[in-house]
N, C-alpha and C. Protein backbone atom coordinates (compact mmCIF):
# COMPACT_ATOMS: atom_id res chain seq x y z
N MET A 1 84.65 106.66 83.91
CA MET A 1 85.72 106.60 84.17
C MET A 1 86.03 107.73 85.29
N GLU A 2 87.79 107.40 85.71
CA GLU A 2 87.98 107.72 86.87
C GLU A 2 89.01 108.83 86.72
N LEU A 3 89.25 109.65 88.12
CA LEU A 3 89.85 110.45 87.85
C LEU A 3 91.62 109.97 88.47
N TYR A 4 92.55 110.80 87.70
CA TYR A 4 93.74 110.44 87.99
C TYR A 4 94.78 111.75 87.69
N ALA A 5 95.92 111.66 88.51
CA ALA A 5 97.16 112.94 88.78
C ALA A 5 98.24 112.11 87.90
N ILE A 6 98.52 112.95 87.31
CA ILE A 6 99.98 112.41 86.62
C ILE A 6 100.85 113.59 86.17
N LEU A 7 102.24 113.00 87.07
CA LEU A 7 103.60 113.61 87.30
C LEU A 7 104.36 113.46 86.32
N ARG A 8 104.48 114.31 85.67
CA ARG A 8 105.58 114.42 84.81
C ARG A 8 106.67 115.58 84.81
N ARG A 9 107.97 115.09 85.19
CA ARG A 9 109.02 116.36 85.85
C ARG A 9 109.70 116.42 84.84
N SER A 10 110.00 117.67 85.22
CA SER A 10 111.15 117.95 83.74
C SER A 10 110.49 117.34 81.93
N GLY A 11 109.87 117.60 81.76
CA GLY A 11 109.42 116.99 80.98
C GLY A 11 109.73 117.48 79.41
N TRP A 12 110.07 119.42 79.87
CA TRP A 12 110.12 120.37 78.37
C TRP A 12 111.25 121.20 78.79
N ARG A 13 111.71 121.50 77.97
CA ARG A 13 113.30 122.72 78.07
C ARG A 13 112.63 123.92 78.48
N SER A 14 111.30 124.23 77.66
CA SER A 14 110.59 125.54 77.52
C SER A 14 109.21 125.59 77.26
N GLY A 15 109.00 126.76 77.46
CA GLY A 15 107.08 126.68 77.83
C GLY A 15 106.47 126.51 75.95
N PRO A 16 107.30 126.89 75.21
CA PRO A 16 107.08 126.88 73.81
C PRO A 16 106.62 125.00 72.92
N GLU A 17 108.03 124.60 73.98
CA GLU A 17 108.00 123.11 73.75
C GLU A 17 106.80 122.21 74.74
N LEU A 18 106.42 122.95 75.53
CA LEU A 18 105.05 122.43 76.36
C LEU A 18 104.42 122.59 75.56
N GLU A 19 103.33 123.98 75.07
CA GLU A 19 102.80 124.34 73.85
C GLU A 19 102.60 123.03 73.26
N GLU A 20 103.37 122.74 72.24
CA GLU A 20 103.40 122.18 71.28
C GLU A 20 103.15 120.46 71.67
N ALA A 21 103.47 120.29 73.00
CA ALA A 21 103.05 118.98 73.61
C ALA A 21 101.56 118.88 73.81
N ALA A 22 100.79 120.28 74.66
CA ALA A 22 99.85 120.45 74.86
C ALA A 22 98.71 120.26 73.47
N ALA A 23 99.39 120.29 72.73
CA ALA A 23 98.26 120.33 71.21
C ALA A 23 98.33 119.27 70.90
N ARG A 24 99.69 118.50 71.03
CA ARG A 24 99.27 116.56 70.71
C ARG A 24 98.36 116.01 71.60
N SER A 25 98.52 116.20 72.86
CA SER A 25 97.87 115.70 73.65
C SER A 25 96.63 115.97 73.28
N THR A 26 95.75 117.22 73.24
CA THR A 26 94.45 117.78 72.69
C THR A 26 94.14 116.97 71.80
N LYS A 27 95.10 116.46 70.56
CA LYS A 27 94.81 116.08 69.32
C LYS A 27 94.66 114.56 69.76
N VAL A 28 95.48 113.75 70.56
CA VAL A 28 95.32 112.78 70.45
C VAL A 28 94.03 112.38 70.95
N GLY A 29 94.26 113.03 72.57
CA GLY A 29 92.41 113.03 73.17
C GLY A 29 91.45 113.12 72.63
N ASN A 30 90.97 113.89 72.01
CA ASN A 30 89.99 114.33 71.25
C ASN A 30 89.63 113.62 70.19
N GLU A 31 90.67 113.08 69.22
CA GLU A 31 90.46 112.46 67.97
C GLU A 31 90.30 110.73 67.96
N GLU A 32 91.60 110.74 68.97
CA GLU A 32 91.55 109.26 69.13
C GLU A 32 91.00 108.39 69.96
N MET A 33 90.78 109.09 71.26
CA MET A 33 90.92 108.36 72.25
C MET A 33 89.83 108.99 72.90
N PRO A 34 88.64 109.88 72.46
CA PRO A 34 87.74 110.74 73.50
C PRO A 34 86.78 109.67 74.34
N ASP A 35 86.68 108.32 74.19
CA ASP A 35 86.20 107.32 74.96
C ASP A 35 86.89 106.73 76.46
N GLU A 36 88.33 106.96 75.87
CA GLU A 36 89.11 106.49 76.89
C GLU A 36 89.82 107.45 77.83
N VAL A 37 90.27 108.76 77.60
CA VAL A 37 90.86 109.81 78.46
C VAL A 37 90.23 110.87 77.91
N ARG A 38 90.32 111.70 78.89
CA ARG A 38 89.97 113.00 79.26
C ARG A 38 90.65 114.34 80.15
N TRP A 39 91.29 114.82 79.09
CA TRP A 39 92.21 116.19 79.93
C TRP A 39 91.34 117.06 80.59
N ILE A 40 91.54 117.42 82.16
CA ILE A 40 90.46 118.29 82.80
C ILE A 40 91.68 119.64 82.80
N ARG A 41 92.72 119.39 83.70
CA ARG A 41 93.92 120.61 83.73
C ARG A 41 94.83 120.13 84.19
N SER A 42 96.30 120.91 83.59
CA SER A 42 97.06 121.00 84.39
C SER A 42 98.01 122.02 85.18
N TYR A 43 99.20 121.99 85.63
CA TYR A 43 99.54 123.00 86.65
C TYR A 43 101.06 122.93 86.51
N VAL A 44 101.50 123.55 85.80
CA VAL A 44 103.01 123.56 85.32
C VAL A 44 103.82 124.25 86.01
N LEU A 45 104.93 123.18 86.13
CA LEU A 45 105.87 123.34 87.46
C LEU A 45 107.12 123.82 87.09
N ASP A 46 107.81 124.86 87.45
CA ASP A 46 108.66 125.27 87.53
C ASP A 46 109.77 124.43 87.75
N GLU A 47 111.05 123.98 87.00
CA GLU A 47 111.66 122.60 87.32
C GLU A 47 113.24 123.54 87.57
N GLY A 48 113.31 124.89 87.65
CA GLY A 48 114.54 125.19 87.25
C GLY A 48 115.39 125.31 86.29
N GLY A 49 116.08 125.94 85.59
CA GLY A 49 117.13 126.29 84.31
C GLY A 49 116.11 126.14 83.20
N GLY A 50 114.97 126.40 83.34
CA GLY A 50 114.21 127.07 82.23
C GLY A 50 113.17 125.60 82.11
N SER A 51 113.44 124.59 82.43
CA SER A 51 112.69 123.49 82.39
C SER A 51 111.34 123.04 83.08
N VAL A 52 110.25 122.65 82.39
CA VAL A 52 109.10 122.61 83.23
C VAL A 52 108.75 121.33 83.32
N GLY A 53 107.84 120.77 84.43
CA GLY A 53 107.35 119.75 84.40
C GLY A 53 105.50 119.91 84.16
N THR A 54 105.02 119.00 84.43
CA THR A 54 103.13 119.19 85.00
C THR A 54 102.88 118.09 85.98
N VAL A 55 101.90 118.69 86.83
CA VAL A 55 101.25 117.98 87.48
C VAL A 55 99.46 117.97 86.33
N CYS A 56 99.11 116.90 85.76
CA CYS A 56 97.81 117.00 85.29
C CYS A 56 96.57 116.14 85.04
N ILE A 57 95.75 116.66 85.44
CA ILE A 57 94.76 115.94 86.08
C ILE A 57 93.63 115.61 84.82
N TYR A 58 93.47 114.09 84.63
CA TYR A 58 92.69 113.27 83.98
C TYR A 58 91.77 112.65 84.40
N GLU A 59 90.81 112.62 83.72
CA GLU A 59 89.41 111.72 83.54
C GLU A 59 90.36 110.05 82.62
N ALA A 60 89.69 109.02 83.16
CA ALA A 60 90.21 108.03 82.19
C ALA A 60 89.90 106.68 82.61
N THR A 61 89.56 105.45 81.80
CA THR A 61 89.37 104.48 82.20
C THR A 61 90.45 103.49 82.74
N SER A 62 91.47 103.81 82.55
CA SER A 62 92.44 102.76 83.54
C SER A 62 93.74 103.70 83.49
N PRO A 63 94.49 103.14 84.33
CA PRO A 63 96.24 103.82 84.27
C PRO A 63 96.88 103.68 82.09
N GLU A 64 96.23 102.42 81.79
CA GLU A 64 97.07 101.82 80.85
C GLU A 64 95.92 102.79 79.64
N ALA A 65 94.97 103.24 79.85
CA ALA A 65 94.65 104.06 78.64
C ALA A 65 95.49 105.31 79.00
N ILE A 66 96.18 106.00 80.09
CA ILE A 66 96.42 106.99 80.26
C ILE A 66 98.39 106.77 79.80
N ARG A 67 98.69 105.76 79.84
CA ARG A 67 100.08 105.52 78.99
C ARG A 67 100.09 105.28 77.86
N LYS A 68 99.06 104.60 77.28
CA LYS A 68 98.57 104.53 75.48
C LYS A 68 98.42 106.33 74.98
N HIS A 69 97.64 106.81 75.38
CA HIS A 69 97.77 108.22 75.44
C HIS A 69 98.91 109.03 75.09
N ALA A 70 99.80 108.91 76.41
CA ALA A 70 101.07 109.56 76.59
C ALA A 70 101.92 108.85 75.43
N SER A 71 101.66 107.85 75.02
CA SER A 71 102.87 107.54 73.87
C SER A 71 102.46 108.05 72.66
N ARG A 72 101.14 107.93 72.35
CA ARG A 72 100.55 108.39 71.21
C ARG A 72 100.91 110.10 71.03
N ALA A 73 100.88 110.48 71.95
CA ALA A 73 101.26 112.27 71.94
C ALA A 73 102.73 112.21 72.14
N ASP A 74 103.25 111.42 72.47
CA ASP A 74 104.76 111.43 72.84
C ASP A 74 105.30 112.37 74.22
N LEU A 75 104.39 112.27 75.35
CA LEU A 75 104.19 112.68 76.43
C LEU A 75 104.98 112.08 77.54
N PRO A 76 106.02 112.32 78.44
CA PRO A 76 106.12 111.76 79.28
C PRO A 76 105.09 111.30 80.64
N VAL A 77 105.54 110.54 81.18
CA VAL A 77 105.07 109.95 82.29
C VAL A 77 105.23 109.46 83.41
N ASP A 78 105.91 110.33 84.79
CA ASP A 78 106.64 109.77 85.38
C ASP A 78 106.00 108.79 86.49
N GLU A 79 104.65 109.34 87.06
CA GLU A 79 103.52 108.62 88.03
C GLU A 79 102.46 108.50 87.80
N ILE A 80 101.48 107.76 88.06
CA ILE A 80 100.31 108.31 87.79
C ILE A 80 99.30 107.64 89.14
N ILE A 81 99.00 108.53 89.48
CA ILE A 81 97.87 108.28 90.75
C ILE A 81 96.15 108.58 90.92
N PRO A 82 95.92 107.51 91.45
CA PRO A 82 94.18 107.80 91.24
C PRO A 82 94.00 108.83 92.74
N VAL A 83 93.17 109.80 92.08
CA VAL A 83 92.15 110.40 92.70
C VAL A 83 91.22 109.89 93.83
N ALA A 84 91.73 110.25 94.96
CA ALA A 84 90.61 109.49 95.87
C ALA A 84 89.00 110.28 95.78
N ASP A 85 89.76 111.15 96.11
CA ASP A 85 88.41 112.60 96.62
C ASP A 85 88.79 114.20 96.04
N THR A 86 88.25 114.91 96.14
CA THR A 86 88.67 116.24 95.62
C THR A 86 87.99 117.69 96.70
N VAL A 87 89.15 118.28 97.06
CA VAL A 87 88.68 119.13 98.05
C VAL A 87 88.80 120.48 97.82
N VAL A 88 87.64 121.54 97.34
CA VAL A 88 88.07 122.41 97.12
C VAL A 88 87.65 123.41 98.28
N VAL A 89 88.73 124.15 98.69
CA VAL A 89 88.62 125.45 99.42
C VAL A 89 88.36 126.77 98.54
N ARG A 90 89.03 126.93 97.64
CA ARG A 90 88.76 128.12 96.47
C ARG A 90 89.14 127.46 95.31
N PRO A 91 88.47 128.19 94.47
CA PRO A 91 88.66 128.38 92.95
C PRO A 91 90.31 128.92 92.82
N ASP A 92 90.46 127.99 91.61
CA ASP A 92 91.81 127.97 90.93
C ASP A 92 91.91 129.79 90.92
N PRO A 93 93.29 129.94 91.42
CA PRO A 93 93.36 131.52 90.96
C PRO A 93 93.44 131.75 89.77
N GLN A 94 93.56 132.91 89.01
CA GLN A 94 93.53 133.41 87.25
C GLN A 94 95.03 132.51 86.93
N PRO A 95 95.00 132.15 85.77
CA PRO A 95 96.01 131.17 85.56
C PRO A 95 97.31 132.09 85.29
N ALA A 96 98.71 131.93 85.39
CA ALA A 96 99.87 132.44 85.09
C ALA A 96 99.94 132.75 83.44
N THR A 97 100.67 133.43 83.15
CA THR A 97 101.25 133.15 81.93
C THR A 97 102.28 132.43 81.66
N ALA A 98 101.95 131.21 80.66
CA ALA A 98 102.88 130.24 80.07
C ALA A 98 104.10 131.04 79.63
């Protein structure tokens, strides 16, 4: 599997709506596509006006597998970017409350 960053801009109107989407994503990934996609982490973006977007990091067999996962989980996909390398300067800080 390769590593990808997925940009989802203004995909949700609220934190609770994003939580529902995360539950769908987890279920589809774990139960329907465990050999094709694996969700690693997401960063939630404050898009203003209460809406949120995300930058999600996934391992996947291909961009098509990511699109298939998103379709099944009813998730937006604005852009899929292959990750060339990872540079960790510091570990992620404690997660903010969503």
